[in-house]
């Protein structure tokens, strides 16, 4: 299907271009969201008449997105989750979790604006790309940790995936005597 783009669409084209897309993509995404019009003579005339308005609206949205991007620039957000000793999360951190953390920080971002191909499944520092506008994207840092204290330690560069980091014990320095008392008396009763 031929469509006229009403705004820039990533990997597809710029505003005003006529592009050929699959029918389902046009019917289910581009047309309902107002990102494109079917390419026919009436719609071409309509686009030419409304071009200045569309460009002004696009410029306004872009400037709003850039203002939000400037506020988000360099920010780090902490997500507290349960995890095992190896740093593997018992759940995961998905796009909706990142949206909630950003909302708690005072930023309203849509879930479709979070570019997270796979959910985060380990503790640590992660970079997440946010698409605030088709021409504005920014990276924010998400610090996934077991507690706020661990998040601070991770922010300083400490690794929290070993017993030493978690419990403050050097596991290589442990000896068998640390686990049991060899002088303890055995009374011979197993029950």
N, C-alpha and C. Protein backbone atom coordinates (compact mmCIF):
# COMPACT_ATOMS: atom_id res chain seq x y z
N UNK A 1 0.84 -1.18 0.00
CA UNK A 1 0.00 0.00 0.00
C UNK A 1 0.89 1.24 0.00
N UNK A 2 0.53 2.21 -0.77
CA UNK A 2 1.24 3.48 -0.83
C UNK A 2 0.63 4.44 0.19
N UNK A 3 1.50 5.06 1.02
CA UNK A 3 1.03 6.02 2.01
C UNK A 3 1.89 7.28 1.95
N UNK A 4 1.29 8.38 2.40
CA UNK A 4 2.01 9.65 2.53
C UNK A 4 2.30 9.82 4.01
N UNK A 5 3.56 9.97 4.36
CA UNK A 5 3.93 10.10 5.77
C UNK A 5 3.62 11.51 6.28
N UNK A 6 2.94 11.59 7.41
CA UNK A 6 2.60 12.87 8.03
C UNK A 6 3.64 13.29 9.06
N UNK A 7 4.59 12.42 9.36
CA UNK A 7 5.70 12.73 10.25
C UNK A 7 6.83 11.78 9.92
N UNK A 8 8.01 12.06 10.46
CA UNK A 8 9.15 11.18 10.23
C UNK A 8 8.91 9.86 10.95
N UNK A 9 9.11 8.77 10.23
CA UNK A 9 8.98 7.44 10.81
C UNK A 9 10.33 6.75 10.63
N UNK A 10 10.89 6.27 11.74
CA UNK A 10 12.21 5.65 11.72
C UNK A 10 12.24 4.48 10.73
N UNK A 11 13.30 4.41 9.98
CA UNK A 11 13.56 3.35 9.00
C UNK A 11 12.53 3.30 7.88
N UNK A 12 11.76 4.38 7.72
CA UNK A 12 10.75 4.40 6.68
C UNK A 12 10.87 5.64 5.81
N UNK A 13 10.89 6.82 6.42
CA UNK A 13 11.03 8.03 5.62
C UNK A 13 10.71 9.29 6.38
N UNK A 14 10.82 10.41 5.66
CA UNK A 14 10.57 11.73 6.22
C UNK A 14 9.14 12.18 5.94
N UNK A 15 8.74 13.26 6.60
CA UNK A 15 7.42 13.81 6.39
C UNK A 15 7.23 14.21 4.93
N UNK A 16 6.09 13.85 4.38
CA UNK A 16 5.76 14.22 3.00
C UNK A 16 6.14 13.19 1.97
N UNK A 17 6.95 12.23 2.34
CA UNK A 17 7.37 11.20 1.37
C UNK A 17 6.24 10.21 1.15
N UNK A 18 6.15 9.72 -0.07
CA UNK A 18 5.21 8.65 -0.40
C UNK A 18 6.01 7.36 -0.42
N UNK A 19 5.62 6.43 0.44
CA UNK A 19 6.36 5.18 0.57
C UNK A 19 5.41 4.00 0.44
N UNK A 20 5.98 2.88 0.04
CA UNK A 20 5.20 1.65 -0.07
C UNK A 20 5.47 0.82 1.18
N UNK A 21 4.38 0.44 1.87
CA UNK A 21 4.49 -0.38 3.08
C UNK A 21 3.52 -1.54 2.96
N UNK A 22 3.67 -2.50 3.83
CA UNK A 22 2.74 -3.63 3.85
C UNK A 22 1.38 -3.16 4.33
N UNK A 23 0.36 -3.80 3.81
CA UNK A 23 -1.01 -3.39 4.13
C UNK A 23 -1.30 -3.43 5.63
N UNK A 24 -0.87 -4.47 6.30
CA UNK A 24 -1.13 -4.60 7.72
C UNK A 24 -0.45 -3.51 8.54
N UNK A 25 0.77 -3.16 8.18
CA UNK A 25 1.50 -2.10 8.87
C UNK A 25 0.78 -0.77 8.72
N UNK A 26 0.27 -0.52 7.51
CA UNK A 26 -0.46 0.72 7.26
C UNK A 26 -1.78 0.72 8.02
N UNK A 27 -2.56 -0.35 7.91
CA UNK A 27 -3.89 -0.40 8.53
C UNK A 27 -3.83 -0.45 10.06
N UNK A 28 -2.85 -1.14 10.61
CA UNK A 28 -2.81 -1.35 12.05
C UNK A 28 -1.95 -0.35 12.81
N UNK A 29 -1.03 0.34 12.13
CA UNK A 29 -0.13 1.23 12.85
C UNK A 29 -0.15 2.65 12.29
N UNK A 30 0.25 2.81 11.03
CA UNK A 30 0.42 4.15 10.48
C UNK A 30 -0.88 4.94 10.39
N UNK A 31 -1.92 4.35 9.83
CA UNK A 31 -3.18 5.08 9.65
C UNK A 31 -3.90 5.37 10.97
N UNK A 32 -4.08 4.38 11.88
CA UNK A 32 -4.78 4.68 13.13
C UNK A 32 -4.07 5.69 14.03
N UNK A 33 -2.74 5.71 14.00
CA UNK A 33 -1.99 6.64 14.85
C UNK A 33 -1.79 8.01 14.20
N UNK A 34 -2.31 8.17 13.00
CA UNK A 34 -2.21 9.46 12.33
C UNK A 34 -0.82 9.77 11.82
N UNK A 35 -0.04 8.75 11.56
CA UNK A 35 1.32 8.96 11.07
C UNK A 35 1.37 8.99 9.54
N UNK A 36 0.27 8.59 8.89
CA UNK A 36 0.26 8.55 7.43
C UNK A 36 -1.17 8.64 6.90
N UNK A 37 -1.26 8.94 5.61
CA UNK A 37 -2.53 8.92 4.88
C UNK A 37 -2.35 8.02 3.67
N UNK A 38 -3.44 7.41 3.21
CA UNK A 38 -3.36 6.63 1.97
C UNK A 38 -2.96 7.56 0.83
N UNK A 39 -2.13 7.07 -0.04
CA UNK A 39 -1.64 7.90 -1.14
C UNK A 39 -2.64 7.88 -2.29
N UNK A 40 -3.51 8.89 -2.33
CA UNK A 40 -4.39 9.11 -3.47
C UNK A 40 -4.42 10.61 -3.75
N UNK A 41 -5.04 11.01 -4.83
CA UNK A 41 -5.01 12.42 -5.24
C UNK A 41 -5.63 13.34 -4.19
N UNK A 42 -6.75 12.93 -3.61
CA UNK A 42 -7.42 13.78 -2.62
C UNK A 42 -6.53 13.97 -1.39
N UNK A 43 -5.90 12.90 -0.92
CA UNK A 43 -5.03 13.01 0.26
C UNK A 43 -3.75 13.78 -0.05
N UNK A 44 -3.25 13.70 -1.30
CA UNK A 44 -2.07 14.48 -1.66
C UNK A 44 -2.38 15.96 -1.61
N UNK A 45 -3.55 16.34 -2.11
CA UNK A 45 -3.97 17.75 -2.06
C UNK A 45 -4.17 18.18 -0.60
N UNK A 46 -4.78 17.31 0.19
CA UNK A 46 -5.00 17.61 1.61
C UNK A 46 -3.67 17.81 2.34
N UNK A 47 -2.71 16.93 2.04
CA UNK A 47 -1.40 17.05 2.68
C UNK A 47 -0.73 18.36 2.29
N UNK A 48 -0.77 18.70 1.00
CA UNK A 48 -0.14 19.95 0.55
C UNK A 48 -0.78 21.16 1.22
N UNK A 49 -2.09 21.11 1.44
CA UNK A 49 -2.78 22.23 2.09
C UNK A 49 -2.42 22.32 3.57
N UNK A 50 -2.21 21.18 4.23
CA UNK A 50 -1.94 21.15 5.66
C UNK A 50 -0.46 21.05 6.00
N UNK A 51 0.40 21.07 5.01
CA UNK A 51 1.83 20.84 5.24
C UNK A 51 2.43 21.80 6.27
N UNK A 52 2.13 23.08 6.15
CA UNK A 52 2.70 24.07 7.07
C UNK A 52 2.25 23.79 8.51
N UNK A 53 0.99 23.44 8.70
CA UNK A 53 0.47 23.13 10.03
C UNK A 53 1.15 21.89 10.59
N UNK A 54 1.30 20.86 9.76
CA UNK A 54 1.94 19.62 10.21
C UNK A 54 3.40 19.86 10.59
N UNK A 55 4.10 20.66 9.79
CA UNK A 55 5.50 20.95 10.08
C UNK A 55 5.63 21.75 11.37
N UNK A 56 4.72 22.70 11.59
CA UNK A 56 4.75 23.49 12.83
C UNK A 56 4.48 22.60 14.03
N UNK A 57 3.50 21.70 13.94
CA UNK A 57 3.17 20.79 15.04
C UNK A 57 4.35 19.85 15.32
N UNK A 58 4.99 19.37 14.24
CA UNK A 58 6.14 18.49 14.41
C UNK A 58 7.29 19.22 15.09
N UNK A 59 7.53 20.46 14.70
CA UNK A 59 8.59 21.25 15.32
C UNK A 59 8.30 21.51 16.79
N UNK A 60 7.03 21.77 17.13
CA UNK A 60 6.63 21.99 18.52
C UNK A 60 6.86 20.73 19.35
N UNK A 61 6.44 19.58 18.83
CA UNK A 61 6.64 18.31 19.54
C UNK A 61 8.12 18.02 19.73
N UNK A 62 8.90 18.32 18.70
CA UNK A 62 10.34 18.08 18.78
C UNK A 62 10.98 18.95 19.85
N UNK A 63 10.59 20.22 19.93
CA UNK A 63 11.17 21.11 20.94
C UNK A 63 10.75 20.68 22.35
N UNK A 64 9.51 20.20 22.52
CA UNK A 64 9.08 19.68 23.82
C UNK A 64 9.90 18.44 24.20
N UNK A 65 10.12 17.57 23.23
CA UNK A 65 10.91 16.36 23.48
C UNK A 65 12.35 16.72 23.83
N UNK A 66 12.91 17.72 23.18
CA UNK A 66 14.28 18.13 23.49
C UNK A 66 14.37 18.73 24.89
N UNK A 67 13.33 19.44 25.32
CA UNK A 67 13.32 20.00 26.67
C UNK A 67 13.32 18.88 27.71
N UNK A 68 12.51 17.85 27.47
CA UNK A 68 12.48 16.70 28.37
C UNK A 68 13.82 15.97 28.33
N UNK A 69 14.40 15.84 27.15
CA UNK A 69 15.69 15.16 27.01
C UNK A 69 16.78 15.89 27.80
N UNK A 70 16.75 17.21 27.79
CA UNK A 70 17.74 17.98 28.55
C UNK A 70 17.58 17.73 30.05
N UNK A 71 16.34 17.59 30.52
CA UNK A 71 16.11 17.31 31.94
C UNK A 71 16.56 15.89 32.29
N UNK A 72 16.37 14.95 31.38
CA UNK A 72 16.73 13.55 31.64
C UNK A 72 18.22 13.27 31.47
N UNK A 73 18.91 14.16 30.78
CA UNK A 73 20.31 13.93 30.45
C UNK A 73 21.14 13.72 31.71
N UNK A 74 21.83 12.58 31.78
CA UNK A 74 22.71 12.27 32.89
C UNK A 74 22.02 11.74 34.12
N UNK A 75 20.73 11.53 34.08
CA UNK A 75 19.99 11.03 35.25
C UNK A 75 20.14 9.52 35.34
N UNK A 76 20.16 9.05 36.59
CA UNK A 76 20.18 7.61 36.86
C UNK A 76 18.98 7.28 37.73
N UNK A 77 18.33 6.19 37.44
CA UNK A 77 17.16 5.76 38.18
C UNK A 77 17.44 4.41 38.81
N UNK A 78 16.97 4.24 40.05
CA UNK A 78 17.22 3.01 40.80
C UNK A 78 15.97 2.15 40.79
N UNK A 79 16.14 0.87 40.46
CA UNK A 79 15.06 -0.11 40.51
C UNK A 79 15.50 -1.19 41.50
N UNK A 80 14.70 -1.38 42.56
CA UNK A 80 15.02 -2.39 43.57
C UNK A 80 14.22 -3.65 43.27
N UNK A 81 14.94 -4.77 43.13
CA UNK A 81 14.32 -6.06 42.82
C UNK A 81 15.02 -7.16 43.62
N UNK A 82 14.32 -8.26 43.83
CA UNK A 82 14.92 -9.42 44.48
C UNK A 82 15.79 -10.17 43.49
N UNK A 83 16.95 -10.63 43.97
CA UNK A 83 17.87 -11.34 43.09
C UNK A 83 18.65 -12.36 43.89
N UNK A 84 19.18 -13.36 43.19
CA UNK A 84 20.01 -14.38 43.81
C UNK A 84 21.43 -13.88 44.00
N UNK A 85 22.28 -14.73 44.58
CA UNK A 85 23.66 -14.35 44.85
C UNK A 85 24.46 -14.07 43.59
N UNK A 86 24.09 -14.69 42.49
CA UNK A 86 24.84 -14.49 41.25
C UNK A 86 24.41 -13.22 40.53
N UNK A 87 23.41 -12.53 41.06
CA UNK A 87 22.95 -11.30 40.43
C UNK A 87 21.78 -11.50 39.48
N UNK A 88 21.32 -12.72 39.35
CA UNK A 88 20.18 -13.03 38.48
C UNK A 88 18.89 -12.61 39.19
N UNK A 89 18.07 -11.80 38.52
CA UNK A 89 16.81 -11.35 39.12
C UNK A 89 15.81 -12.49 39.18
N UNK A 90 14.97 -12.48 40.20
CA UNK A 90 13.90 -13.48 40.30
C UNK A 90 12.78 -13.16 39.31
N UNK A 91 12.69 -11.94 38.91
CA UNK A 91 11.74 -11.52 37.87
C UNK A 91 12.54 -10.85 36.77
N UNK A 92 12.04 -9.76 36.27
CA UNK A 92 12.79 -8.98 35.30
C UNK A 92 12.31 -7.54 35.36
N UNK A 93 13.05 -6.66 34.73
CA UNK A 93 12.68 -5.26 34.64
C UNK A 93 12.31 -5.01 33.18
N UNK A 94 11.03 -4.74 32.94
CA UNK A 94 10.53 -4.54 31.58
C UNK A 94 10.29 -3.05 31.34
N UNK A 95 9.83 -2.73 30.14
CA UNK A 95 9.59 -1.34 29.75
C UNK A 95 8.59 -0.68 30.69
N UNK A 96 7.55 -1.40 31.10
CA UNK A 96 6.55 -0.80 31.99
C UNK A 96 7.14 -0.43 33.35
N UNK A 97 8.12 -1.22 33.82
CA UNK A 97 8.79 -0.91 35.09
C UNK A 97 9.62 0.37 34.95
N UNK A 98 10.25 0.54 33.82
CA UNK A 98 11.06 1.74 33.58
C UNK A 98 10.15 2.96 33.49
N UNK A 99 8.98 2.80 32.86
CA UNK A 99 8.01 3.90 32.78
C UNK A 99 7.55 4.29 34.19
N UNK A 100 7.31 3.31 35.05
CA UNK A 100 6.89 3.60 36.43
C UNK A 100 7.98 4.33 37.21
N UNK A 101 9.23 3.91 37.04
CA UNK A 101 10.35 4.56 37.74
C UNK A 101 10.50 6.00 37.25
N UNK A 102 10.37 6.21 35.94
CA UNK A 102 10.46 7.56 35.39
C UNK A 102 9.30 8.42 35.88
N UNK A 103 8.11 7.83 35.98
CA UNK A 103 6.94 8.56 36.48
C UNK A 103 7.15 8.97 37.93
N UNK A 104 7.75 8.10 38.73
CA UNK A 104 8.05 8.43 40.13
C UNK A 104 9.06 9.57 40.20
N UNK A 105 9.91 9.69 39.19
CA UNK A 105 10.88 10.77 39.11
C UNK A 105 10.31 12.04 38.50
N UNK A 106 9.03 12.01 38.10
CA UNK A 106 8.38 13.20 37.56
C UNK A 106 8.39 13.31 36.05
N UNK A 107 8.69 12.23 35.34
CA UNK A 107 8.72 12.26 33.88
C UNK A 107 7.63 11.36 33.32
N UNK A 108 6.83 11.89 32.42
CA UNK A 108 5.76 11.10 31.80
C UNK A 108 6.25 10.61 30.45
N UNK A 109 6.49 9.31 30.37
CA UNK A 109 6.99 8.67 29.16
C UNK A 109 6.05 7.51 28.84
N UNK A 110 5.74 7.32 27.56
CA UNK A 110 4.91 6.19 27.16
C UNK A 110 5.74 4.92 27.07
N UNK A 111 5.08 3.79 27.28
CA UNK A 111 5.79 2.51 27.23
C UNK A 111 6.38 2.25 25.85
N UNK A 112 5.71 2.74 24.81
CA UNK A 112 6.23 2.52 23.46
C UNK A 112 7.45 3.40 23.16
N UNK A 113 7.76 4.35 24.05
CA UNK A 113 8.93 5.20 23.85
C UNK A 113 10.20 4.59 24.45
N UNK A 114 10.04 3.52 25.24
CA UNK A 114 11.19 2.85 25.85
C UNK A 114 11.69 1.78 24.89
N UNK A 115 12.95 1.91 24.48
CA UNK A 115 13.54 0.95 23.54
C UNK A 115 14.30 -0.10 24.34
N UNK A 116 13.58 -1.17 24.69
CA UNK A 116 14.17 -2.25 25.48
C UNK A 116 13.84 -3.55 24.75
N UNK A 117 14.78 -4.03 23.95
CA UNK A 117 14.52 -5.22 23.15
C UNK A 117 14.28 -6.45 24.01
N UNK A 118 15.06 -6.60 25.06
CA UNK A 118 14.90 -7.71 25.99
C UNK A 118 14.81 -7.15 27.39
N UNK A 119 13.98 -7.75 28.25
CA UNK A 119 13.90 -7.26 29.63
C UNK A 119 15.23 -7.44 30.35
N UNK A 120 15.48 -6.59 31.34
CA UNK A 120 16.70 -6.66 32.14
C UNK A 120 16.53 -7.78 33.15
N UNK A 121 17.48 -8.71 33.20
CA UNK A 121 17.35 -9.88 34.07
C UNK A 121 18.48 -10.02 35.08
N UNK A 122 19.37 -9.04 35.13
CA UNK A 122 20.48 -9.10 36.09
C UNK A 122 20.62 -7.76 36.81
N UNK A 123 21.19 -7.81 38.02
CA UNK A 123 21.46 -6.56 38.71
C UNK A 123 22.64 -5.88 38.04
N UNK A 124 22.75 -4.59 38.23
CA UNK A 124 23.86 -3.84 37.65
C UNK A 124 23.37 -2.55 37.02
N UNK A 125 24.29 -1.87 36.36
CA UNK A 125 23.99 -0.62 35.67
C UNK A 125 23.65 -0.93 34.22
N UNK A 126 22.53 -0.43 33.76
CA UNK A 126 22.08 -0.68 32.40
C UNK A 126 21.73 0.64 31.73
N UNK A 127 22.03 0.76 30.44
CA UNK A 127 21.63 1.93 29.66
C UNK A 127 20.35 1.58 28.91
N UNK A 128 19.38 2.49 28.97
CA UNK A 128 18.11 2.29 28.29
C UNK A 128 17.89 3.49 27.38
N UNK A 129 17.54 3.22 26.12
CA UNK A 129 17.29 4.28 25.15
C UNK A 129 15.82 4.65 25.18
N UNK A 130 15.55 5.95 25.25
CA UNK A 130 14.18 6.46 25.20
C UNK A 130 14.00 7.25 23.91
N UNK A 131 12.96 6.94 23.15
CA UNK A 131 12.63 7.67 21.93
C UNK A 131 11.53 8.67 22.28
N UNK A 132 11.93 9.90 22.59
CA UNK A 132 10.98 10.92 23.01
C UNK A 132 10.23 11.51 21.82
N UNK A 133 10.86 11.45 20.66
CA UNK A 133 10.29 11.97 19.41
C UNK A 133 11.01 11.21 18.30
N UNK A 134 10.44 11.23 17.12
CA UNK A 134 11.09 10.48 16.04
C UNK A 134 12.51 10.98 15.75
N UNK A 135 12.80 12.22 16.15
CA UNK A 135 14.13 12.78 15.90
C UNK A 135 14.92 13.01 17.20
N UNK A 136 14.34 12.66 18.35
CA UNK A 136 15.01 12.89 19.64
C UNK A 136 15.03 11.58 20.42
N UNK A 137 16.24 11.12 20.72
CA UNK A 137 16.38 9.95 21.57
C UNK A 137 17.48 10.23 22.59
N UNK A 138 17.33 9.62 23.76
CA UNK A 138 18.27 9.85 24.85
C UNK A 138 18.48 8.55 25.60
N UNK A 139 19.66 8.42 26.22
CA UNK A 139 19.96 7.24 27.03
C UNK A 139 19.90 7.64 28.50
N UNK A 140 19.22 6.81 29.29
CA UNK A 140 19.20 7.00 30.74
C UNK A 140 19.83 5.77 31.38
N UNK A 141 20.35 5.95 32.58
CA UNK A 141 20.98 4.85 33.29
C UNK A 141 19.99 4.28 34.29
N UNK A 142 19.83 2.97 34.26
CA UNK A 142 18.95 2.28 35.21
C UNK A 142 19.84 1.39 36.07
N UNK A 143 19.80 1.63 37.37
CA UNK A 143 20.60 0.89 38.33
C UNK A 143 19.69 -0.14 39.00
N UNK A 144 19.82 -1.39 38.62
CA UNK A 144 19.01 -2.47 39.19
C UNK A 144 19.80 -3.09 40.33
N UNK A 145 19.20 -3.07 41.54
CA UNK A 145 19.90 -3.58 42.72
C UNK A 145 18.91 -4.24 43.67
N UNK A 146 19.46 -4.94 44.68
CA UNK A 146 18.62 -5.61 45.69
C UNK A 146 18.12 -4.62 46.74
N UNK A 147 18.84 -3.53 46.96
CA UNK A 147 18.45 -2.54 47.96
C UNK A 147 19.04 -1.19 47.56
N UNK A 148 18.60 -0.13 48.23
CA UNK A 148 19.12 1.20 47.95
C UNK A 148 20.61 1.28 48.29
N UNK A 149 21.02 0.58 49.37
CA UNK A 149 22.43 0.55 49.76
C UNK A 149 23.28 -0.09 48.66
N UNK A 150 22.80 -1.20 48.13
CA UNK A 150 23.54 -1.86 47.04
C UNK A 150 23.57 -0.99 45.79
N UNK A 151 22.51 -0.25 45.55
CA UNK A 151 22.48 0.63 44.38
C UNK A 151 23.59 1.69 44.50
N UNK A 152 23.78 2.23 45.70
CA UNK A 152 24.85 3.21 45.91
C UNK A 152 26.22 2.57 45.69
N UNK A 153 26.39 1.35 46.19
CA UNK A 153 27.67 0.65 46.01
C UNK A 153 27.93 0.36 44.54
N UNK A 154 26.89 -0.05 43.81
CA UNK A 154 27.05 -0.31 42.37
C UNK A 154 27.39 0.97 41.62
N UNK A 155 26.77 2.07 42.02
CA UNK A 155 27.03 3.35 41.35
C UNK A 155 28.49 3.74 41.46
N UNK A 156 29.14 3.33 42.58
CA UNK A 156 30.56 3.63 42.78
C UNK A 156 31.45 2.68 42.00
N UNK A 157 30.87 1.66 41.36
CA UNK A 157 31.65 0.75 40.54
C UNK A 157 31.89 -0.60 41.16
N UNK A 158 31.30 -0.89 42.29
CA UNK A 158 31.50 -2.16 42.98
C UNK A 158 30.63 -3.25 42.35
N UNK A 159 31.17 -4.45 42.20
CA UNK A 159 30.42 -5.59 41.68
C UNK A 159 29.74 -6.30 42.84
N UNK A 160 28.46 -6.61 42.68
CA UNK A 160 27.70 -7.23 43.77
C UNK A 160 27.23 -8.63 43.42
N UNK A 161 28.03 -9.37 42.69
CA UNK A 161 27.61 -10.71 42.28
C UNK A 161 28.43 -11.80 42.95
N UNK A 162 29.09 -11.49 44.07
CA UNK A 162 29.84 -12.52 44.79
C UNK A 162 29.49 -12.44 46.27
N UNK A 163 29.80 -13.50 47.01
CA UNK A 163 29.52 -13.53 48.45
C UNK A 163 30.30 -12.44 49.17
N UNK A 164 31.50 -12.16 48.71
CA UNK A 164 32.32 -11.10 49.32
C UNK A 164 31.58 -9.77 49.23
N UNK A 165 31.04 -9.47 48.06
CA UNK A 165 30.35 -8.19 47.88
C UNK A 165 29.03 -8.15 48.63
N UNK A 166 28.33 -9.28 48.68
CA UNK A 166 27.01 -9.30 49.30
C UNK A 166 27.12 -9.34 50.81
N UNK A 167 27.93 -10.27 51.33
CA UNK A 167 27.98 -10.50 52.78
C UNK A 167 29.22 -9.92 53.45
N UNK A 168 30.16 -9.43 52.68
CA UNK A 168 31.39 -8.91 53.27
C UNK A 168 32.35 -10.01 53.67
N UNK A 169 32.26 -11.19 53.05
CA UNK A 169 33.09 -12.34 53.37
C UNK A 169 33.88 -12.71 52.13
N UNK A 170 35.18 -12.88 52.29
CA UNK A 170 36.01 -13.33 51.18
C UNK A 170 35.88 -14.85 51.10
N UNK A 171 35.15 -15.34 50.13
CA UNK A 171 34.87 -16.78 50.06
C UNK A 171 36.11 -17.62 49.78
N UNK A 172 37.16 -17.04 49.19
CA UNK A 172 38.38 -17.79 48.93
C UNK A 172 39.21 -17.97 50.21
N UNK A 173 38.99 -17.11 51.20
CA UNK A 173 39.76 -17.18 52.44
C UNK A 173 39.11 -18.09 53.48
N UNK A 174 37.93 -18.62 53.19
CA UNK A 174 37.25 -19.48 54.15
C UNK A 174 37.93 -20.84 54.25
N UNK A 175 37.99 -21.37 55.49
CA UNK A 175 38.56 -22.68 55.75
C UNK A 175 37.47 -23.57 56.32
N UNK A 176 37.66 -24.89 56.32
CA UNK A 176 36.64 -25.78 56.87
C UNK A 176 36.31 -25.46 58.32
N UNK A 177 37.30 -24.99 59.09
CA UNK A 177 37.05 -24.68 60.50
C UNK A 177 36.04 -23.55 60.67
N UNK A 178 35.89 -22.73 59.63
CA UNK A 178 34.93 -21.63 59.70
C UNK A 178 33.49 -22.15 59.68
N UNK A 179 33.29 -23.37 59.21
CA UNK A 179 31.94 -23.90 59.08
C UNK A 179 31.54 -24.81 60.24
N UNK A 180 32.51 -25.43 60.90
CA UNK A 180 32.19 -26.31 62.02
C UNK A 180 33.33 -26.26 63.04
N UNK A 181 33.03 -26.73 64.23
CA UNK A 181 34.00 -26.72 65.31
C UNK A 181 34.58 -28.13 65.44
N UNK A 182 35.88 -28.33 65.12
CA UNK A 182 36.46 -29.67 65.19
C UNK A 182 36.57 -30.18 66.62
N UNK A 183 36.57 -29.32 67.62
CA UNK A 183 36.67 -29.75 69.01
C UNK A 183 35.32 -30.12 69.60
N UNK A 184 34.26 -29.91 68.87
CA UNK A 184 32.92 -30.19 69.40
C UNK A 184 32.82 -31.69 69.66
N UNK A 185 32.18 -32.05 70.76
CA UNK A 185 32.03 -33.47 71.13
C UNK A 185 30.86 -34.07 70.39
N UNK A 186 31.10 -35.31 69.95
CA UNK A 186 30.05 -36.07 69.28
C UNK A 186 29.51 -37.10 70.27
N UNK A 187 28.20 -37.03 70.50
CA UNK A 187 27.64 -37.94 71.50
C UNK A 187 27.17 -39.26 70.89
N UNK A 188 27.29 -39.41 69.58
CA UNK A 188 26.96 -40.66 68.92
C UNK A 188 25.48 -40.85 68.67
N UNK A 189 24.66 -39.92 69.05
CA UNK A 189 23.24 -40.04 68.87
C UNK A 189 22.83 -39.28 67.61
N UNK A 190 22.34 -40.01 66.62
CA UNK A 190 21.97 -39.38 65.35
C UNK A 190 20.58 -38.74 65.42
N UNK A 191 19.82 -39.07 66.43
CA UNK A 191 18.45 -38.59 66.45
C UNK A 191 18.29 -37.26 67.07
